[in-house]
Amino acid sequence: MFKKLLISGVVLALIVVVLGAYTRLGDAGLGCPDWPGCYGQLTVPDATDGTTIEGYERPLEAGKGWKEMIHRYAASTLGLVILIIFFLALKNKVQRQQTIALPGFLVLIVILQGALGMWTVTNLVHPGIVSMHLVGGFITTSLLVWLLLNQSNPPLFYKHVLKRHKIFIIFALIVLSLQIILGGWTSTNYAALACGDNFPSCLGQWWPTMDFGSALYWGPLGVDYEYGVLEGSARTAIQIMHRIGALIALTTIFFLLYQLKKYKHISINLITIGLLLFVQITLGILNVVFSLPMAVAVLHNAVALLLLLSMVALMHKVFKP
C-alpha cells in the first residue's frame, strides 16, 4: 500500500502542478476571492457571470472560479494522500526501510503549501508568494519521487561514479532549479510576452531598453498584482534574464550529459534528460513566437517539472545505489 500511495501521490502532484499552471495562465488565481471556499461556498456559486455576491466586491466569473476550485480539490486530495504516507511510515508499514524524516518534512511542505495557497488569494496574487507556491509544488513532487525511488529494487551491483561528476550533478540540479524559479518569476510578473513575438531578438533589438533594477522588485502586500504592476522595461529585463538563464542551463546540462556518457548504467537517465531538455527549449521558443498559446504554456510548466524529476532520478541512482 505504501508504494501504491506514493505512485498515486506522484501522479496527483503532477496533476496539481499542471492545474496550478493552467489556473495561473488563465488569470484565474483570483477566480475565488476567498479561501478555502469560493464566495463563502464549497463550490462555485450557481449564478450568472458578472453577478455581485453579497459581501464580495469582485463580480463572479464562474469559469475562472471552477479552474481555481478544481485546483484546490486536487491539492486537498494530494495533502490527504501525503498525510496517509506519513502515518504509514510512522508505523513502519513500508516495504523497505524508510526513516520518518523525509515523510515528516513532506508534511511540513504541504502545510506551507496550503498557507501559500491562502496567501496567494488574500494578498492578491503577489508575484513572490505565487512563485514560492509554484516552487513548493515542484519540491513536493520531487520529494514524492525520491520516496518512491527509495522503495524500488536496488541494483545488483554498485557502479562507481567519480566524485567530481557527482559534484557536477548537484551543480547542474542547482542551475536548473534557479532557472525554474526564474521561469516562475517571469510568469507571475506577466513578463512572458515582454519581448513581443521576437526570438532570439527582443522587441526588434538584440539589447532593448531594460530596467534590471526593478526586475526583482518585491512589492508590498495589499496591492492588487493581477496582470502585473511592473513597467514594460522591467518586464523585458525579466524576460531577457529568463532567456540568459535558459542558455546557461542548456549549456550546463549538455556538458553534464557529455561528462557522464561513459557510465552505461545511467544511459537511460541521460537520454531522458536530453530529450526533455530539447522539448523544453522548443516549447519556450514556441511560447514567444506564437504569443503564449495556453496548451504550449502549460506544457512548458509540465516539462520543466519532468526535467527536474529526471535530474532527481539521476541523482538518486548515482548517490543511493
C-alpha atoms as a PDB file:
ATOM      1  CA  MET A   1       0.000   0.000   0.000  1.00  0.00           C
ATOM      2  CA  PHE A   2       2.861   2.399   0.803  1.00  0.00           C
ATOM      3  CA  LYS A   3       4.311   2.129  -2.706  1.00  0.00           C
ATOM      4  CA  LYS A   4       0.875   2.398  -4.338  1.00  0.00           C
ATOM      5  CA  LEU A   5       0.160   5.524  -2.311  1.00  0.00           C
ATOM      6  CA  LEU A   6       3.482   7.004  -3.388  1.00  0.00           C
ATOM      7  CA  ILE A   7       2.641   6.337  -7.041  1.00  0.00           C
ATOM      8  CA  SER A   8      -0.780   7.932  -6.529  1.00  0.00           C
ATOM      9  CA  GLY A   9       0.886  10.864  -4.784  1.00  0.00           C
ATOM     10  CA  VAL A  10       3.329  11.440  -7.647  1.00  0.00           C
ATOM     11  CA  VAL A  11       0.521  11.338 -10.233  1.00  0.00           C
ATOM     12  CA  LEU A  12      -1.621  13.683  -8.122  1.00  0.00           C
ATOM     13  CA  ALA A  13       1.295  16.071  -7.605  1.00  0.00           C
ATOM     14  CA  LEU A  14       1.871  16.240 -11.365  1.00  0.00           C
ATOM     15  CA  ILE A  15      -1.827  16.971 -11.884  1.00  0.00           C
ATOM     16  CA  VAL A  16      -1.811  19.659  -9.184  1.00  0.00           C
ATOM     17  CA  VAL A  17       1.213  21.419 -10.722  1.00  0.00           C
ATOM     18  CA  VAL A  18      -0.346  21.323 -14.194  1.00  0.00           C
ATOM     19  CA  LEU A  19      -3.695  22.577 -12.851  1.00  0.00           C
ATOM     20  CA  GLY A  20      -1.859  25.322 -10.972  1.00  0.00           C
ATOM     21  CA  ALA A  21      -0.144  26.413 -14.178  1.00  0.00           C
ATOM     22  CA  TYR A  22      -3.454  26.323 -16.051  1.00  0.00           C
ATOM     23  CA  THR A  23      -5.108  28.400 -13.326  1.00  0.00           C
ATOM     24  CA  ARG A  24      -2.297  30.938 -13.268  1.00  0.00           C
ATOM     25  CA  LEU A  25      -2.001  31.245 -17.059  1.00  0.00           C
ATOM     26  CA  GLY A  26      -5.777  31.510 -17.342  1.00  0.00           C
ATOM     27  CA  ASP A  27      -5.713  34.531 -14.994  1.00  0.00           C
ATOM     28  CA  ALA A  28      -7.923  32.591 -12.585  1.00  0.00           C
ATOM     29  CA  GLY A  29      -5.806  32.977  -9.451  1.00  0.00           C
ATOM     30  CA  LEU A  30      -8.473  35.272  -8.032  1.00  0.00           C
ATOM     31  CA  GLY A  31     -11.400  33.397  -9.577  1.00  0.00           C
ATOM     32  CA  CYS A  32     -12.450  32.801  -5.972  1.00  0.00           C
ATOM     33  CA  PRO A  33     -11.695  35.892  -3.876  1.00  0.00           C
ATOM     34  CA  ASP A  34     -11.688  33.940  -0.591  1.00  0.00           C
ATOM     35  CA  TRP A  35     -10.097  30.754   0.768  1.00  0.00           C
ATOM     36  CA  PRO A  36     -10.638  27.810   1.092  1.00  0.00           C
ATOM     37  CA  GLY A  37     -14.150  28.184  -0.324  1.00  0.00           C
ATOM     38  CA  CYS A  38     -15.443  30.221  -3.225  1.00  0.00           C
ATOM     39  CA  TYR A  39     -17.623  33.206  -2.309  1.00  0.00           C
ATOM     40  CA  GLY A  40     -18.262  31.520   1.027  1.00  0.00           C
ATOM     41  CA  GLN A  41     -19.294  28.190  -0.515  1.00  0.00           C
ATOM     42  CA  LEU A  42     -17.581  24.840  -1.072  1.00  0.00           C
ATOM     43  CA  THR A  43     -18.350  25.099  -4.789  1.00  0.00           C
ATOM     44  CA  VAL A  44     -18.601  27.958  -7.254  1.00  0.00           C
ATOM     45  CA  PRO A  45     -21.932  29.764  -6.756  1.00  0.00           C
ATOM     46  CA  ASP A  46     -24.630  28.935  -9.282  1.00  0.00           C
ATOM     47  CA  ALA A  47     -25.108  32.433 -10.625  1.00  0.00           C
ATOM     48  CA  THR A  48     -24.678  34.366 -13.860  1.00  0.00           C
ATOM     49  CA  ASP A  49     -21.264  35.770 -14.702  1.00  0.00           C
ATOM     50  CA  GLY A  50     -20.935  39.361 -13.560  1.00  0.00           C
ATOM     51  CA  THR A  51     -23.219  38.821 -10.557  1.00  0.00           C
ATOM     52  CA  THR A  52     -22.020  40.601  -7.430  1.00  0.00           C
ATOM     53  CA  ILE A  53     -22.193  38.197  -4.480  1.00  0.00           C
ATOM     54  CA  GLU A  54     -23.159  39.809  -1.185  1.00  0.00           C
ATOM     55  CA  GLY A  55     -20.083  40.539   0.901  1.00  0.00           C
ATOM     56  CA  TYR A  56     -17.646  40.432  -2.056  1.00  0.00           C
ATOM     57  CA  GLU A  57     -16.551  43.268  -4.327  1.00  0.00           C
ATOM     58  CA  ARG A  58     -15.264  41.048  -7.131  1.00  0.00           C
ATOM     59  CA  PRO A  59     -18.029  40.020  -9.601  1.00  0.00           C
ATOM     60  CA  LEU A  60     -18.417  36.307 -10.233  1.00  0.00           C
ATOM     61  CA  GLU A  61     -16.640  34.684 -13.187  1.00  0.00           C
ATOM     62  CA  ALA A  62     -17.741  31.074 -12.958  1.00  0.00           C
ATOM     63  CA  GLY A  63     -15.184  29.715 -15.437  1.00  0.00           C
ATOM     64  CA  LYS A  64     -12.276  31.167 -13.502  1.00  0.00           C
ATOM     65  CA  GLY A  65     -13.849  30.117 -10.230  1.00  0.00           C
ATOM     66  CA  TRP A  66     -14.087  26.482 -11.319  1.00  0.00           C
ATOM     67  CA  LYS A  67     -10.463  26.486 -12.514  1.00  0.00           C
ATOM     68  CA  GLU A  68      -9.389  27.641  -9.078  1.00  0.00           C
ATOM     69  CA  MET A  69     -11.668  25.263  -7.148  1.00  0.00           C
ATOM     70  CA  ILE A  70     -10.706  22.168  -9.162  1.00  0.00           C
ATOM     71  CA  HIS A  71      -7.079  23.008  -8.425  1.00  0.00           C
ATOM     72  CA  ARG A  72      -7.926  23.275  -4.705  1.00  0.00           C
ATOM     73  CA  TYR A  73      -9.824  19.959  -4.713  1.00  0.00           C
ATOM     74  CA  ALA A  74      -6.852  18.188  -6.312  1.00  0.00           C
ATOM     75  CA  ALA A  75      -4.381  19.841  -3.916  1.00  0.00           C
ATOM     76  CA  SER A  76      -6.501  18.859  -0.895  1.00  0.00           C
ATOM     77  CA  THR A  77      -6.629  15.252  -2.088  1.00  0.00           C
ATOM     78  CA  LEU A  78      -2.857  15.268  -2.503  1.00  0.00           C
ATOM     79  CA  GLY A  79      -2.462  16.617   1.025  1.00  0.00           C
ATOM     80  CA  LEU A  80      -4.607  13.779   2.385  1.00  0.00           C
ATOM     81  CA  VAL A  81      -2.538  11.169   0.499  1.00  0.00           C
ATOM     82  CA  ILE A  82       0.685  12.642   1.896  1.00  0.00           C
ATOM     83  CA  LEU A  83      -0.701  12.510   5.446  1.00  0.00           C
ATOM     84  CA  ILE A  84      -1.516   8.815   4.986  1.00  0.00           C
ATOM     85  CA  ILE A  85       2.004   8.212   3.623  1.00  0.00           C
ATOM     86  CA  PHE A  86       3.423   9.899   6.725  1.00  0.00           C
ATOM     87  CA  PHE A  87       1.375   7.760   9.133  1.00  0.00           C
ATOM     88  CA  LEU A  88       2.294   4.547   7.286  1.00  0.00           C
ATOM     89  CA  ALA A  89       5.973   5.474   7.541  1.00  0.00           C
ATOM     90  CA  LEU A  90       5.466   6.374  11.213  1.00  0.00           C
ATOM     91  CA  LYS A  91       4.012   2.912  11.886  1.00  0.00           C
ATOM     92  CA  ASN A  92       6.771   1.336   9.744  1.00  0.00           C
ATOM     93  CA  LYS A  93       4.210  -0.126   7.311  1.00  0.00           C
ATOM     94  CA  VAL A  94       6.633   0.109   4.386  1.00  0.00           C
ATOM     95  CA  GLN A  95       8.131  -2.447   2.038  1.00  0.00           C
ATOM     96  CA  ARG A  96      11.693  -1.231   2.551  1.00  0.00           C
ATOM     97  CA  GLN A  97      13.183   0.654   5.469  1.00  0.00           C
ATOM     98  CA  GLN A  98      12.274   4.330   5.308  1.00  0.00           C
ATOM     99  CA  THR A  99      13.060   6.859   8.035  1.00  0.00           C
ATOM    100  CA  ILE A 100      10.311   9.166   9.192  1.00  0.00           C
ATOM    101  CA  ALA A 101      12.386  12.301   8.469  1.00  0.00           C
ATOM    102  CA  LEU A 102      11.562  12.728   4.770  1.00  0.00           C
ATOM    103  CA  PRO A 103       7.797  11.949   5.048  1.00  0.00           C
ATOM    104  CA  GLY A 104       7.661  14.298   8.031  1.00  0.00           C
ATOM    105  CA  PHE A 105       9.379  17.067   6.083  1.00  0.00           C
ATOM    106  CA  LEU A 106       6.948  16.443   3.218  1.00  0.00           C
ATOM    107  CA  VAL A 107       4.004  17.041   5.573  1.00  0.00           C
ATOM    108  CA  LEU A 108       5.550  20.369   6.621  1.00  0.00           C
ATOM    109  CA  ILE A 109       5.934  21.357   2.967  1.00  0.00           C
ATOM    110  CA  VAL A 110       2.268  20.512   2.331  1.00  0.00           C
ATOM    111  CA  ILE A 111       1.183  22.656   5.300  1.00  0.00           C
ATOM    112  CA  LEU A 112       3.296  25.518   3.940  1.00  0.00           C
ATOM    113  CA  GLN A 113       1.758  24.975   0.502  1.00  0.00           C
ATOM    114  CA  GLY A 114      -1.705  25.330   1.993  1.00  0.00           C
ATOM    115  CA  ALA A 115      -0.677  28.584   3.631  1.00  0.00           C
ATOM    116  CA  LEU A 116       0.862  29.868   0.392  1.00  0.00           C
ATOM    117  CA  GLY A 117      -2.320  28.961  -1.469  1.00  0.00           C
ATOM    118  CA  MET A 118      -4.322  31.037   1.022  1.00  0.00           C
ATOM    119  CA  TRP A 119      -1.852  33.952   0.893  1.00  0.00           C
ATOM    120  CA  THR A 120      -1.939  33.888  -2.906  1.00  0.00           C
ATOM    121  CA  VAL A 121      -5.611  34.863  -2.690  1.00  0.00           C
ATOM    122  CA  THR A 122      -5.531  37.129   0.367  1.00  0.00           C
ATOM    123  CA  ASN A 123      -2.505  39.030  -0.978  1.00  0.00           C
ATOM    124  CA  LEU A 124      -3.969  39.369  -4.472  1.00  0.00           C
ATOM    125  CA  VAL A 125      -1.538  37.123  -6.421  1.00  0.00           C
ATOM    126  CA  HIS A 126       1.630  38.749  -5.108  1.00  0.00           C
ATOM    127  CA  PRO A 127       4.384  37.550  -7.528  1.00  0.00           C
ATOM    128  CA  GLY A 128       6.700  36.457  -4.718  1.00  0.00           C
ATOM    129  CA  ILE A 129       4.043  34.386  -2.979  1.00  0.00           C
ATOM    130  CA  VAL A 130       2.786  32.832  -6.222  1.00  0.00           C
ATOM    131  CA  SER A 131       6.368  31.967  -7.229  1.00  0.00           C
ATOM    132  CA  MET A 132       7.015  30.320  -3.850  1.00  0.00           C
ATOM    133  CA  HIS A 133       3.763  28.378  -4.246  1.00  0.00           C
ATOM    134  CA  LEU A 134       4.983  27.122  -7.637  1.00  0.00           C
ATOM    135  CA  VAL A 135       8.380  26.159  -6.209  1.00  0.00           C
ATOM    136  CA  GLY A 136       6.638  24.358  -3.341  1.00  0.00           C
ATOM    137  CA  GLY A 137       4.717  22.244  -5.833  1.00  0.00           C
ATOM    138  CA  PHE A 138       7.933  21.251  -7.579  1.00  0.00           C
ATOM    139  CA  ILE A 139       9.591  20.394  -4.244  1.00  0.00           C
ATOM    140  CA  THR A 140       6.586  18.308  -3.157  1.00  0.00           C
ATOM    141  CA  THR A 141       6.640  16.276  -6.366  1.00  0.00           C
ATOM    142  CA  SER A 142      10.416  15.787  -6.185  1.00  0.00           C
ATOM    143  CA  LEU A 143      10.236  14.501  -2.593  1.00  0.00           C
ATOM    144  CA  LEU A 144       7.458  12.077  -3.506  1.00  0.00           C
ATOM    145  CA  VAL A 145       9.546  10.757  -6.410  1.00  0.00           C
ATOM    146  CA  TRP A 146      12.558  10.354  -4.113  1.00  0.00           C
ATOM    147  CA  LEU A 147      10.446   8.384  -1.625  1.00  0.00           C
ATOM    148  CA  LEU A 148       9.114   6.214  -4.444  1.00  0.00           C
ATOM    149  CA  LEU A 149      12.631   5.521  -5.724  1.00  0.00           C
ATOM    150  CA  ASN A 150      13.611   4.508  -2.180  1.00  0.00           C
ATOM    151  CA  GLN A 151      11.048   1.715  -2.456  1.00  0.00           C
ATOM    152  CA  SER A 152      12.320   0.424  -5.812  1.00  0.00           C
ATOM    153  CA  ASN A 153      14.555  -2.615  -6.194  1.00  0.00           C
ATOM    154  CA  PRO A 154      18.223  -1.705  -5.653  1.00  0.00           C
ATOM    155  CA  PRO A 155      20.719  -2.621  -8.417  1.00  0.00           C
ATOM    156  CA  LEU A 156      22.566  -5.915  -8.040  1.00  0.00           C
ATOM    157  CA  PHE A 157      25.970  -4.299  -8.469  1.00  0.00           C
ATOM    158  CA  TYR A 158      27.304  -0.924  -7.385  1.00  0.00           C
ATOM    159  CA  LYS A 159      28.894   1.095 -10.179  1.00  0.00           C
ATOM    160  CA  HIS A 160      31.195   3.854  -9.022  1.00  0.00           C
ATOM    161  CA  VAL A 161      30.765   7.426 -10.283  1.00  0.00           C
ATOM    162  CA  LEU A 162      33.679   9.819  -9.844  1.00  0.00           C
ATOM    163  CA  LYS A 163      33.328  12.386  -7.073  1.00  0.00           C
ATOM    164  CA  ARG A 164      33.810  15.332  -9.442  1.00  0.00           C
ATOM    165  CA  HIS A 165      30.947  14.057 -11.584  1.00  0.00           C
ATOM    166  CA  LYS A 166      28.715  13.732  -8.524  1.00  0.00           C
ATOM    167  CA  ILE A 167      29.514  17.330  -7.600  1.00  0.00           C
ATOM    168  CA  PHE A 168      28.689  18.466 -11.137  1.00  0.00           C
ATOM    169  CA  ILE A 169      25.321  16.661 -10.975  1.00  0.00           C
ATOM    170  CA  ILE A 170      24.481  18.687  -7.857  1.00  0.00           C
ATOM    171  CA  PHE A 171      25.653  21.877  -9.583  1.00  0.00           C
ATOM    172  CA  ALA A 172      23.512  21.157 -12.664  1.00  0.00           C
ATOM    173  CA  LEU A 173      20.489  20.484 -10.452  1.00  0.00           C
ATOM    174  CA  ILE A 174      21.004  23.842  -8.705  1.00  0.00           C
ATOM    175  CA  VAL A 175      21.306  25.671 -12.062  1.00  0.00           C
ATOM    176  CA  LEU A 176      18.121  24.007 -13.326  1.00  0.00           C
ATOM    177  CA  SER A 177      16.270  24.841 -10.084  1.00  0.00           C
ATOM    178  CA  LEU A 178      17.274  28.515 -10.324  1.00  0.00           C
ATOM    179  CA  GLN A 179      16.075  28.628 -13.922  1.00  0.00           C
ATOM    180  CA  ILE A 180      12.727  27.121 -12.905  1.00  0.00           C
ATOM    181  CA  ILE A 181      12.379  29.764 -10.176  1.00  0.00           C
ATOM    182  CA  LEU A 182      13.205  32.452 -12.748  1.00  0.00           C
ATOM    183  CA  GLY A 183      10.582  30.969 -15.063  1.00  0.00           C
ATOM    184  CA  GLY A 184       8.017  31.209 -12.271  1.00  0.00           C
ATOM    185  CA  TRP A 185       9.026  34.827 -11.651  1.00  0.00           C
ATOM    186  CA  THR A 186       8.592  35.546 -15.369  1.00  0.00           C
ATOM    187  CA  SER A 187       5.094  34.071 -15.359  1.00  0.00           C
ATOM    188  CA  THR A 188       3.887  35.673 -12.120  1.00  0.00           C
ATOM    189  CA  ASN A 189       5.048  39.110 -13.286  1.00  0.00           C
ATOM    190  CA  TYR A 190       3.288  38.656 -16.656  1.00  0.00           C
ATOM    191  CA  ALA A 191       6.608  39.050 -18.477  1.00  0.00           C
ATOM    192  CA  ALA A 192       6.334  36.069 -20.827  1.00  0.00           C
ATOM    193  CA  LEU A 193       5.489  38.320 -23.793  1.00  0.00           C
ATOM    194  CA  ALA A 194       7.623  41.294 -22.761  1.00  0.00           C
ATOM    195  CA  CYS A 195       9.698  40.832 -25.936  1.00  0.00           C
ATOM    196  CA  GLY A 196       6.664  40.524 -28.184  1.00  0.00           C
ATOM    197  CA  ASP A 197       6.826  37.600 -30.594  1.00  0.00           C
ATOM    198  CA  ASN A 198      10.513  38.200 -31.395  1.00  0.00           C
ATOM    199  CA  PHE A 199      13.060  35.424 -30.945  1.00  0.00           C
ATOM    200  CA  PRO A 200      16.022  35.401 -30.494  1.00  0.00           C
ATOM    201  CA  SER A 201      15.815  39.206 -30.636  1.00  0.00           C
ATOM    202  CA  CYS A 202      13.590  41.212 -28.299  1.00  0.00           C
ATOM    203  CA  LEU A 203      11.258  43.974 -29.472  1.00  0.00           C
ATOM    204  CA  GLY A 204      13.181  44.015 -32.735  1.00  0.00           C
ATOM    205  CA  GLN A 205      16.516  44.591 -30.966  1.00  0.00           C
ATOM    206  CA  TRP A 206      19.291  42.450 -29.506  1.00  0.00           C
ATOM    207  CA  TRP A 207      19.528  44.548 -26.339  1.00  0.00           C
ATOM    208  CA  PRO A 208      16.410  46.702 -25.840  1.00  0.00           C
ATOM    209  CA  THR A 209      15.879  49.225 -23.057  1.00  0.00           C
ATOM    210  CA  MET A 210      15.624  47.298 -19.784  1.00  0.00           C
ATOM    211  CA  ASP A 211      15.269  48.114 -16.107  1.00  0.00           C
ATOM    212  CA  PHE A 212      17.157  45.372 -14.261  1.00  0.00           C
ATOM    213  CA  GLY A 213      16.911  47.328 -11.017  1.00  0.00           C
ATOM    214  CA  SER A 214      13.144  46.753 -10.905  1.00  0.00           C
ATOM    215  CA  ALA A 215      13.179  43.245 -12.400  1.00  0.00           C
ATOM    216  CA  LEU A 216      13.372  41.591  -8.977  1.00  0.00           C
ATOM    217  CA  TYR A 217      11.006  44.071  -7.337  1.00  0.00           C
ATOM    218  CA  TRP A 218       9.307  42.555  -4.270  1.00  0.00           C
ATOM    219  CA  GLY A 219       6.298  44.779  -3.862  1.00  0.00           C
ATOM    220  CA  PRO A 220       4.297  45.472  -0.706  1.00  0.00           C
ATOM    221  CA  LEU A 221       1.395  43.315   0.419  1.00  0.00           C
ATOM    222  CA  GLY A 222      -2.156  44.523  -0.022  1.00  0.00           C
ATOM    223  CA  VAL A 223      -1.692  45.680  -3.630  1.00  0.00           C
ATOM    224  CA  ASP A 224      -3.626  44.048  -6.478  1.00  0.00           C
ATOM    225  CA  TYR A 225      -0.957  42.342  -8.622  1.00  0.00           C
ATOM    226  CA  GLU A 226      -3.341  40.762 -11.139  1.00  0.00           C
ATOM    227  CA  TYR A 227      -1.939  41.335 -14.660  1.00  0.00           C
ATOM    228  CA  GLY A 228       1.268  42.755 -13.135  1.00  0.00           C
ATOM    229  CA  VAL A 229       2.385  46.150 -11.877  1.00  0.00           C
ATOM    230  CA  LEU A 230       5.888  46.454 -13.370  1.00  0.00           C
ATOM    231  CA  GLU A 231       6.736  48.798 -16.215  1.00  0.00           C
ATOM    232  CA  GLY A 232       7.482  47.353 -19.653  1.00  0.00           C
ATOM    233  CA  SER A 233      11.250  47.859 -19.329  1.00  0.00           C
ATOM    234  CA  ALA A 234      11.314  45.839 -16.078  1.00  0.00           C
ATOM    235  CA  ARG A 235       9.275  43.011 -17.621  1.00  0.00           C
ATOM    236  CA  THR A 236      11.601  43.000 -20.618  1.00  0.00           C
ATOM    237  CA  ALA A 237      14.554  42.648 -18.248  1.00  0.00           C
ATOM    238  CA  ILE A 238      12.866  39.643 -16.598  1.00  0.00           C
ATOM    239  CA  GLN A 239      12.279  38.012 -19.975  1.00  0.00           C
ATOM    240  CA  ILE A 240      15.910  38.555 -21.033  1.00  0.00           C
ATOM    241  CA  MET A 241      17.127  37.162 -17.694  1.00  0.00           C
ATOM    242  CA  HIS A 242      14.968  34.084 -18.283  1.00  0.00           C
ATOM    243  CA  ARG A 243      16.448  33.633 -21.760  1.00  0.00           C
ATOM    244  CA  ILE A 244      20.005  34.010 -20.477  1.00  0.00           C
ATOM    245  CA  GLY A 245      19.198  31.558 -17.692  1.00  0.00           C
ATOM    246  CA  ALA A 246      17.866  29.087 -20.255  1.00  0.00           C
ATOM    247  CA  LEU A 247      21.118  29.342 -22.211  1.00  0.00           C
ATOM    248  CA  ILE A 248      23.178  28.754 -19.046  1.00  0.00           C
ATOM    249  CA  ALA A 249      21.006  25.790 -18.020  1.00  0.00           C
ATOM    250  CA  LEU A 250      21.189  24.322 -21.534  1.00  0.00           C
ATOM    251  CA  THR A 251      24.985  24.610 -21.610  1.00  0.00           C
ATOM    252  CA  THR A 252      25.387  23.201 -18.086  1.00  0.00           C
ATOM    253  CA  ILE A 253      23.148  20.185 -18.623  1.00  0.00           C
ATOM    254  CA  PHE A 254      24.589  19.470 -22.067  1.00  0.00           C
ATOM    255  CA  PHE A 255      28.096  19.478 -20.559  1.00  0.00           C
ATOM    256  CA  LEU A 256      26.861  17.196 -17.763  1.00  0.00           C
ATOM    257  CA  LEU A 257      25.471  14.698 -20.282  1.00  0.00           C
ATOM    258  CA  TYR A 258      28.775  14.769 -22.154  1.00  0.00           C
ATOM    259  CA  GLN A 259      30.755  14.135 -18.959  1.00  0.00           C
ATOM    260  CA  LEU A 260      28.544  11.221 -17.878  1.00  0.00           C
ATOM    261  CA  LYS A 261      28.181   9.464 -21.230  1.00  0.00           C
ATOM    262  CA  LYS A 262      30.795   6.845 -20.296  1.00  0.00           C
ATOM    263  CA  TYR A 263      28.591   5.489 -17.472  1.00  0.00           C
ATOM    264  CA  LYS A 264      26.458   2.923 -19.282  1.00  0.00           C
ATOM    265  CA  HIS A 265      24.265   2.121 -16.257  1.00  0.00           C
ATOM    266  CA  ILE A 266      22.725   5.618 -16.326  1.00  0.00           C
ATOM    267  CA  SER A 267      22.407   5.927 -20.108  1.00  0.00           C
ATOM    268  CA  ILE A 268      18.573   5.802 -19.982  1.00  0.00           C
ATOM    269  CA  ASN A 269      18.571   8.657 -17.469  1.00  0.00           C
ATOM    270  CA  LEU A 270      20.866  10.723 -19.672  1.00  0.00           C
ATOM    271  CA  ILE A 271      18.787  10.104 -22.808  1.00  0.00           C
ATOM    272  CA  THR A 272      15.610  11.084 -20.934  1.00  0.00           C
ATOM    273  CA  ILE A 273      17.184  14.308 -19.674  1.00  0.00           C
ATOM    274  CA  GLY A 274      18.472  15.158 -23.148  1.00  0.00           C
ATOM    275  CA  LEU A 275      15.073  14.622 -24.798  1.00  0.00           C
ATOM    276  CA  LEU A 276      13.218  16.616 -22.148  1.00  0.00           C
ATOM    277  CA  LEU A 277      15.751  19.426 -22.436  1.00  0.00           C
ATOM    278  CA  PHE A 278      15.209  19.593 -26.213  1.00  0.00           C
ATOM    279  CA  VAL A 279      11.408  19.612 -25.783  1.00  0.00           C
ATOM    280  CA  GLN A 280      11.587  22.303 -23.100  1.00  0.00           C
ATOM    281  CA  ILE A 281      13.726  24.659 -25.182  1.00  0.00           C
ATOM    282  CA  THR A 282      11.405  24.117 -28.156  1.00  0.00           C
ATOM    283  CA  LEU A 283       8.310  24.882 -26.057  1.00  0.00           C
ATOM    284  CA  GLY A 284       9.946  28.035 -24.700  1.00  0.00           C
ATOM    285  CA  ILE A 285      10.586  29.321 -28.226  1.00  0.00           C
ATOM    286  CA  LEU A 286       7.051  28.414 -29.362  1.00  0.00           C
ATOM    287  CA  ASN A 287       5.629  30.317 -26.385  1.00  0.00           C
ATOM    288  CA  VAL A 288       7.243  33.503 -27.673  1.00  0.00           C
ATOM    289  CA  VAL A 289       6.742  33.026 -31.403  1.00  0.00           C
ATOM    290  CA  PHE A 290       3.044  32.129 -31.077  1.00  0.00           C
ATOM    291  CA  SER A 291       2.298  34.596 -28.245  1.00  0.00           C
ATOM    292  CA  LEU A 292       1.813  32.182 -25.356  1.00  0.00           C
ATOM    293  CA  PRO A 293      -0.825  29.670 -26.527  1.00  0.00           C
ATOM    294  CA  MET A 294      -2.389  28.040 -23.462  1.00  0.00           C
ATOM    295  CA  ALA A 295      -1.545  24.419 -24.365  1.00  0.00           C
ATOM    296  CA  VAL A 296       2.104  25.230 -25.066  1.00  0.00           C
ATOM    297  CA  ALA A 297       2.468  27.380 -21.949  1.00  0.00           C
ATOM    298  CA  VAL A 298       1.011  24.676 -19.688  1.00  0.00           C
ATOM    299  CA  LEU A 299       3.241  22.045 -21.329  1.00  0.00           C
ATOM    300  CA  HIS A 300       6.239  24.312 -20.727  1.00  0.00           C
ATOM    301  CA  ASN A 301       5.484  24.153 -16.988  1.00  0.00           C
ATOM    302  CA  ALA A 302       4.849  20.400 -17.053  1.00  0.00           C
ATOM    303  CA  VAL A 303       8.038  19.557 -18.956  1.00  0.00           C
ATOM    304  CA  ALA A 304      10.053  21.790 -16.598  1.00  0.00           C
ATOM    305  CA  LEU A 305       8.815  19.608 -13.752  1.00  0.00           C
ATOM    306  CA  LEU A 306       9.556  16.384 -15.667  1.00  0.00           C
ATOM    307  CA  LEU A 307      13.064  17.651 -16.429  1.00  0.00           C
ATOM    308  CA  LEU A 308      13.612  18.374 -12.732  1.00  0.00           C
ATOM    309  CA  LEU A 309      12.299  14.904 -11.798  1.00  0.00           C
ATOM    310  CA  SER A 310      14.611  13.267 -14.350  1.00  0.00           C
ATOM    311  CA  MET A 311      17.543  15.031 -12.681  1.00  0.00           C
ATOM    312  CA  VAL A 312      16.285  13.860  -9.276  1.00  0.00           C
ATOM    313  CA  ALA A 313      16.087  10.273 -10.590  1.00  0.00           C
ATOM    314  CA  LEU A 314      19.646  10.545 -11.912  1.00  0.00           C
ATOM    315  CA  MET A 315      20.873  11.827  -8.561  1.00  0.00           C
ATOM    316  CA  HIS A 316      19.092   9.009  -6.728  1.00  0.00           C
ATOM    317  CA  LYS A 317      20.687   6.349  -8.938  1.00  0.00           C
ATOM    318  CA  VAL A 318      24.162   7.863  -8.518  1.00  0.00           C
ATOM    319  CA  PHE A 319      24.035   8.743  -4.813  1.00  0.00           C
ATOM    320  CA  LYS A 320      21.860   5.918  -3.440  1.00  0.00           C
ATOM    321  CA  PRO A 321      22.904   2.727  -5.214  1.00  0.00           C
END
